[in-house]
Amino acid sequence: MGSPYLYIGLYLGIVALLWILSPTIPRLDRDGPVLIYRSGTFLRVVNLLGKRLSCVMPKISYVMIGVAIFFSFSVSLSLLLSSLDLLLNPLAEPVLKLVLPGMEIAGERIRFVNWIVPISIVLFVHEASHGITALANRVKLRSAGLILIAVIPG
């Protein structure tokens, strides 16, 4: 296992190589530091789910807005309280930590696979939800695909 910087460098290297080769790769478009691989499969899945959930999705959306507001306030309160705790007690354990492959959390080293698989699942469900919600609101989708970002925030 390498350091987190090795994985970040590897990721950025792969994205840079794809960015350079993007004119020669079909369905791979670039828009600044963002690479978009347009996939018909993802669009078909979103269309299928959107049609099946079109009558239920508006109701689910209202519930999820309430859930999102609740968690936004609770997370904000938690961050505020933990920030105050850190200001008053500098030895206190921070609530947030950056989690990258190669780092140790609770004595366990984070492997790349154990890091990328959950992120990919959450990303897929999140983006599919955007597409399903758009279709439920009668917004026509032209394409859908995988996005690689050459800039890692943070």
C-alpha atoms as a PDB file:
ATOM      1  CA  MET A   1       0.000   0.000   0.000  1.00  0.00           C
ATOM      2  CA  GLY A   2       1.306   3.385  -0.954  1.00  0.00           C
ATOM      3  CA  SER A   3       0.682   6.796   0.415  1.00  0.00           C
ATOM      4  CA  PRO A   4      -2.459   8.767  -0.440  1.00  0.00           C
ATOM      5  CA  TYR A   5      -0.347  11.002  -2.662  1.00  0.00           C
ATOM      6  CA  LEU A   6       0.572   8.012  -4.808  1.00  0.00           C
ATOM      7  CA  TYR A   7      -3.105   7.283  -5.457  1.00  0.00           C
ATOM      8  CA  ILE A   8      -3.909  10.926  -6.139  1.00  0.00           C
ATOM      9  CA  GLY A   9      -0.985  11.116  -8.558  1.00  0.00           C
ATOM     10  CA  LEU A  10      -2.056   7.894 -10.249  1.00  0.00           C
ATOM     11  CA  TYR A  11      -5.636   9.148 -10.604  1.00  0.00           C
ATOM     12  CA  LEU A  12      -4.539  12.504 -11.989  1.00  0.00           C
ATOM     13  CA  GLY A  13      -2.107  10.770 -14.348  1.00  0.00           C
ATOM     14  CA  ILE A  14      -4.837   8.515 -15.738  1.00  0.00           C
ATOM     15  CA  VAL A  15      -7.240  11.441 -16.116  1.00  0.00           C
ATOM     16  CA  ALA A  16      -4.524  13.514 -17.838  1.00  0.00           C
ATOM     17  CA  LEU A  17      -3.757  10.653 -20.229  1.00  0.00           C
ATOM     18  CA  LEU A  18      -7.455  10.223 -21.018  1.00  0.00           C
ATOM     19  CA  TRP A  19      -7.792  13.990 -21.461  1.00  0.00           C
ATOM     20  CA  ILE A  20      -4.947  13.976 -23.991  1.00  0.00           C
ATOM     21  CA  LEU A  21      -6.311  10.912 -25.812  1.00  0.00           C
ATOM     22  CA  SER A  22      -9.964  12.002 -25.652  1.00  0.00           C
ATOM     23  CA  PRO A  23     -10.165  13.157 -29.299  1.00  0.00           C
ATOM     24  CA  THR A  24      -9.332   9.598 -30.377  1.00  0.00           C
ATOM     25  CA  ILE A  25     -11.697   7.792 -27.966  1.00  0.00           C
ATOM     26  CA  PRO A  26     -15.323   7.535 -29.134  1.00  0.00           C
ATOM     27  CA  ARG A  27     -17.999   8.980 -26.809  1.00  0.00           C
ATOM     28  CA  LEU A  28     -15.364  10.629 -24.579  1.00  0.00           C
ATOM     29  CA  ASP A  29     -15.882  14.385 -24.507  1.00  0.00           C
ATOM     30  CA  ARG A  30     -13.849  16.939 -22.630  1.00  0.00           C
ATOM     31  CA  ASP A  31     -15.058  20.161 -21.150  1.00  0.00           C
ATOM     32  CA  GLY A  32     -12.199  21.954 -19.420  1.00  0.00           C
ATOM     33  CA  PRO A  33     -10.875  19.709 -16.633  1.00  0.00           C
ATOM     34  CA  VAL A  34     -13.920  17.429 -16.896  1.00  0.00           C
ATOM     35  CA  LEU A  35     -14.063  14.270 -18.993  1.00  0.00           C
ATOM     36  CA  ILE A  36     -17.482  12.827 -19.817  1.00  0.00           C
ATOM     37  CA  TYR A  37     -17.882   9.305 -21.148  1.00  0.00           C
ATOM     38  CA  ARG A  38     -21.356   9.207 -22.651  1.00  0.00           C
ATOM     39  CA  SER A  39     -22.989   5.840 -22.242  1.00  0.00           C
ATOM     40  CA  GLY A  40     -26.230   4.685 -23.788  1.00  0.00           C
ATOM     41  CA  THR A  41     -26.557   1.967 -21.145  1.00  0.00           C
ATOM     42  CA  PHE A  42     -26.808   4.409 -18.252  1.00  0.00           C
ATOM     43  CA  LEU A  43     -29.325   6.493 -20.190  1.00  0.00           C
ATOM     44  CA  ARG A  44     -31.472   3.401 -20.871  1.00  0.00           C
ATOM     45  CA  VAL A  45     -31.419   2.443 -17.174  1.00  0.00           C
ATOM     46  CA  VAL A  46     -32.417   5.958 -16.136  1.00  0.00           C
ATOM     47  CA  ASN A  47     -35.182   6.071 -18.769  1.00  0.00           C
ATOM     48  CA  LEU A  48     -36.553   2.713 -17.630  1.00  0.00           C
ATOM     49  CA  LEU A  49     -36.547   3.685 -13.963  1.00  0.00           C
ATOM     50  CA  GLY A  50     -37.892   7.145 -14.755  1.00  0.00           C
ATOM     51  CA  LYS A  51     -40.900   5.726 -16.583  1.00  0.00           C
ATOM     52  CA  ARG A  52     -41.644   3.235 -13.820  1.00  0.00           C
ATOM     53  CA  LEU A  53     -41.261   5.747 -11.005  1.00  0.00           C
ATOM     54  CA  SER A  54     -42.767   8.816 -12.680  1.00  0.00           C
ATOM     55  CA  CYS A  55     -45.964   8.741 -10.604  1.00  0.00           C
ATOM     56  CA  VAL A  56     -44.204   8.099  -7.280  1.00  0.00           C
ATOM     57  CA  MET A  57     -41.164  10.330  -7.723  1.00  0.00           C
ATOM     58  CA  PRO A  58     -42.823  13.708  -6.993  1.00  0.00           C
ATOM     59  CA  LYS A  59     -44.064  12.398  -3.635  1.00  0.00           C
ATOM     60  CA  ILE A  60     -40.680  10.903  -2.816  1.00  0.00           C
ATOM     61  CA  SER A  61     -39.042  14.201  -3.776  1.00  0.00           C
ATOM     62  CA  TYR A  62     -41.078  16.151  -1.230  1.00  0.00           C
ATOM     63  CA  VAL A  63     -40.214  13.682   1.518  1.00  0.00           C
ATOM     64  CA  MET A  64     -36.530  13.713   0.579  1.00  0.00           C
ATOM     65  CA  ILE A  65     -36.424  17.517   0.619  1.00  0.00           C
ATOM     66  CA  GLY A  66     -37.610  17.401   4.221  1.00  0.00           C
ATOM     67  CA  VAL A  67     -35.059  14.715   5.066  1.00  0.00           C
ATOM     68  CA  ALA A  68     -32.292  16.739   3.395  1.00  0.00           C
ATOM     69  CA  ILE A  69     -33.220  19.881   5.334  1.00  0.00           C
ATOM     70  CA  PHE A  70     -33.258  17.936   8.612  1.00  0.00           C
ATOM     71  CA  PHE A  71     -29.839  16.398   7.975  1.00  0.00           C
ATOM     72  CA  SER A  72     -28.417  19.704   6.747  1.00  0.00           C
ATOM     73  CA  PHE A  73     -29.334  21.322  10.041  1.00  0.00           C
ATOM     74  CA  SER A  74     -28.162  18.371  12.132  1.00  0.00           C
ATOM     75  CA  VAL A  75     -24.802  18.129  10.335  1.00  0.00           C
ATOM     76  CA  SER A  76     -24.339  21.901  10.557  1.00  0.00           C
ATOM     77  CA  LEU A  77     -25.061  21.801  14.275  1.00  0.00           C
ATOM     78  CA  SER A  78     -22.670  18.885  14.743  1.00  0.00           C
ATOM     79  CA  LEU A  79     -19.906  20.711  12.860  1.00  0.00           C
ATOM     80  CA  LEU A  80     -20.504  23.883  14.834  1.00  0.00           C
ATOM     81  CA  LEU A  81     -20.380  22.062  18.168  1.00  0.00           C
ATOM     82  CA  SER A  82     -17.281  20.075  17.209  1.00  0.00           C
ATOM     83  CA  SER A  83     -15.566  23.257  15.991  1.00  0.00           C
ATOM     84  CA  LEU A  84     -16.298  24.914  19.311  1.00  0.00           C
ATOM     85  CA  ASP A  85     -14.980  21.819  21.076  1.00  0.00           C
ATOM     86  CA  LEU A  86     -11.759  21.991  19.043  1.00  0.00           C
ATOM     87  CA  LEU A  87     -11.367  25.695  19.837  1.00  0.00           C
ATOM     88  CA  LEU A  88     -11.846  25.115  23.555  1.00  0.00           C
ATOM     89  CA  ASN A  89      -9.913  21.845  23.700  1.00  0.00           C
ATOM     90  CA  PRO A  90      -7.165  21.628  21.050  1.00  0.00           C
ATOM     91  CA  LEU A  91      -6.495  17.973  21.945  1.00  0.00           C
ATOM     92  CA  ALA A  92     -10.058  16.941  21.091  1.00  0.00           C
ATOM     93  CA  GLU A  93     -10.534  14.446  18.270  1.00  0.00           C
ATOM     94  CA  PRO A  94     -11.706  16.121  15.034  1.00  0.00           C
ATOM     95  CA  VAL A  95     -15.097  15.047  13.723  1.00  0.00           C
ATOM     96  CA  LEU A  96     -14.127  15.195  10.046  1.00  0.00           C
ATOM     97  CA  LYS A  97     -11.131  13.549   8.442  1.00  0.00           C
ATOM     98  CA  LEU A  98     -10.027  13.254   4.861  1.00  0.00           C
ATOM     99  CA  VAL A  99     -10.245   9.609   3.837  1.00  0.00           C
ATOM    100  CA  LEU A 100      -7.948   8.558   1.015  1.00  0.00           C
ATOM    101  CA  PRO A 101      -6.479   5.189   0.071  1.00  0.00           C
ATOM    102  CA  GLY A 102      -3.357   4.382   2.032  1.00  0.00           C
ATOM    103  CA  MET A 103      -4.447   6.309   5.128  1.00  0.00           C
ATOM    104  CA  GLU A 104      -5.067   4.617   8.447  1.00  0.00           C
ATOM    105  CA  ILE A 105      -8.454   4.958  10.101  1.00  0.00           C
ATOM    106  CA  ALA A 106      -9.038   3.200  13.430  1.00  0.00           C
ATOM    107  CA  GLY A 107      -5.858   1.195  12.931  1.00  0.00           C
ATOM    108  CA  GLU A 108      -6.883  -0.114   9.508  1.00  0.00           C
ATOM    109  CA  ARG A 109      -5.215   0.967   6.289  1.00  0.00           C
ATOM    110  CA  ILE A 110      -7.742   2.012   3.636  1.00  0.00           C
ATOM    111  CA  ARG A 111      -7.273  -0.034   0.471  1.00  0.00           C
ATOM    112  CA  PHE A 112      -8.018   1.540  -2.904  1.00  0.00           C
ATOM    113  CA  VAL A 113     -10.798  -0.950  -3.691  1.00  0.00           C
ATOM    114  CA  ASN A 114     -12.449  -0.348  -0.313  1.00  0.00           C
ATOM    115  CA  TRP A 115     -12.386   3.356  -1.097  1.00  0.00           C
ATOM    116  CA  ILE A 116     -13.461   3.498  -4.749  1.00  0.00           C
ATOM    117  CA  VAL A 117     -16.286   0.914  -4.720  1.00  0.00           C
ATOM    118  CA  PRO A 118     -18.497   2.702  -2.138  1.00  0.00           C
ATOM    119  CA  ILE A 119     -17.842   6.061  -3.801  1.00  0.00           C
ATOM    120  CA  SER A 120     -18.823   4.588  -7.173  1.00  0.00           C
ATOM    121  CA  ILE A 121     -22.035   3.081  -5.792  1.00  0.00           C
ATOM    122  CA  VAL A 122     -23.069   6.319  -4.098  1.00  0.00           C
ATOM    123  CA  LEU A 123     -22.201   8.322  -7.222  1.00  0.00           C
ATOM    124  CA  PHE A 124     -24.210   5.988  -9.463  1.00  0.00           C
ATOM    125  CA  VAL A 125     -27.299   6.100  -7.229  1.00  0.00           C
ATOM    126  CA  HIS A 126     -27.024   9.873  -6.790  1.00  0.00           C
ATOM    127  CA  GLU A 127     -26.693  10.636 -10.490  1.00  0.00           C
ATOM    128  CA  ALA A 128     -29.378   8.109 -11.447  1.00  0.00           C
ATOM    129  CA  SER A 129     -31.694   9.858  -8.994  1.00  0.00           C
ATOM    130  CA  HIS A 130     -31.095  13.153 -10.785  1.00  0.00           C
ATOM    131  CA  GLY A 131     -32.007  11.521 -14.081  1.00  0.00           C
ATOM    132  CA  ILE A 132     -35.095   9.803 -12.686  1.00  0.00           C
ATOM    133  CA  THR A 133     -36.287  13.035 -11.098  1.00  0.00           C
ATOM    134  CA  ALA A 134     -35.721  14.902 -14.358  1.00  0.00           C
ATOM    135  CA  LEU A 135     -37.738  12.325 -16.285  1.00  0.00           C
ATOM    136  CA  ALA A 136     -40.493  12.397 -13.674  1.00  0.00           C
ATOM    137  CA  ASN A 137     -40.711  16.143 -14.289  1.00  0.00           C
ATOM    138  CA  ARG A 138     -40.841  15.567 -18.058  1.00  0.00           C
ATOM    139  CA  VAL A 139     -37.327  16.824 -18.785  1.00  0.00           C
ATOM    140  CA  LYS A 140     -35.896  14.982 -21.770  1.00  0.00           C
ATOM    141  CA  LEU A 141     -32.399  13.606 -21.267  1.00  0.00           C
ATOM    142  CA  ARG A 142     -30.082  13.699 -24.252  1.00  0.00           C
ATOM    143  CA  SER A 143     -27.226  11.738 -22.745  1.00  0.00           C
ATOM    144  CA  ALA A 144     -25.840  10.317 -19.551  1.00  0.00           C
ATOM    145  CA  GLY A 145     -22.457   9.005 -18.653  1.00  0.00           C
ATOM    146  CA  LEU A 146     -19.469   8.749 -16.399  1.00  0.00           C
ATOM    147  CA  ILE A 147     -17.667  11.923 -15.402  1.00  0.00           C
ATOM    148  CA  LEU A 148     -14.006  12.072 -14.442  1.00  0.00           C
ATOM    149  CA  ILE A 149     -12.794  15.288 -12.877  1.00  0.00           C
ATOM    150  CA  ALA A 150      -9.153  16.248 -13.222  1.00  0.00           C
ATOM    151  CA  VAL A 151      -9.315  18.556 -10.210  1.00  0.00           C
ATOM    152  CA  ILE A 152      -9.727  16.975  -6.794  1.00  0.00           C
ATOM    153  CA  PRO A 153     -11.506  19.442  -4.494  1.00  0.00           C
ATOM    154  CA  GLY A 154     -10.196  20.070  -1.028  1.00  0.00           C
END
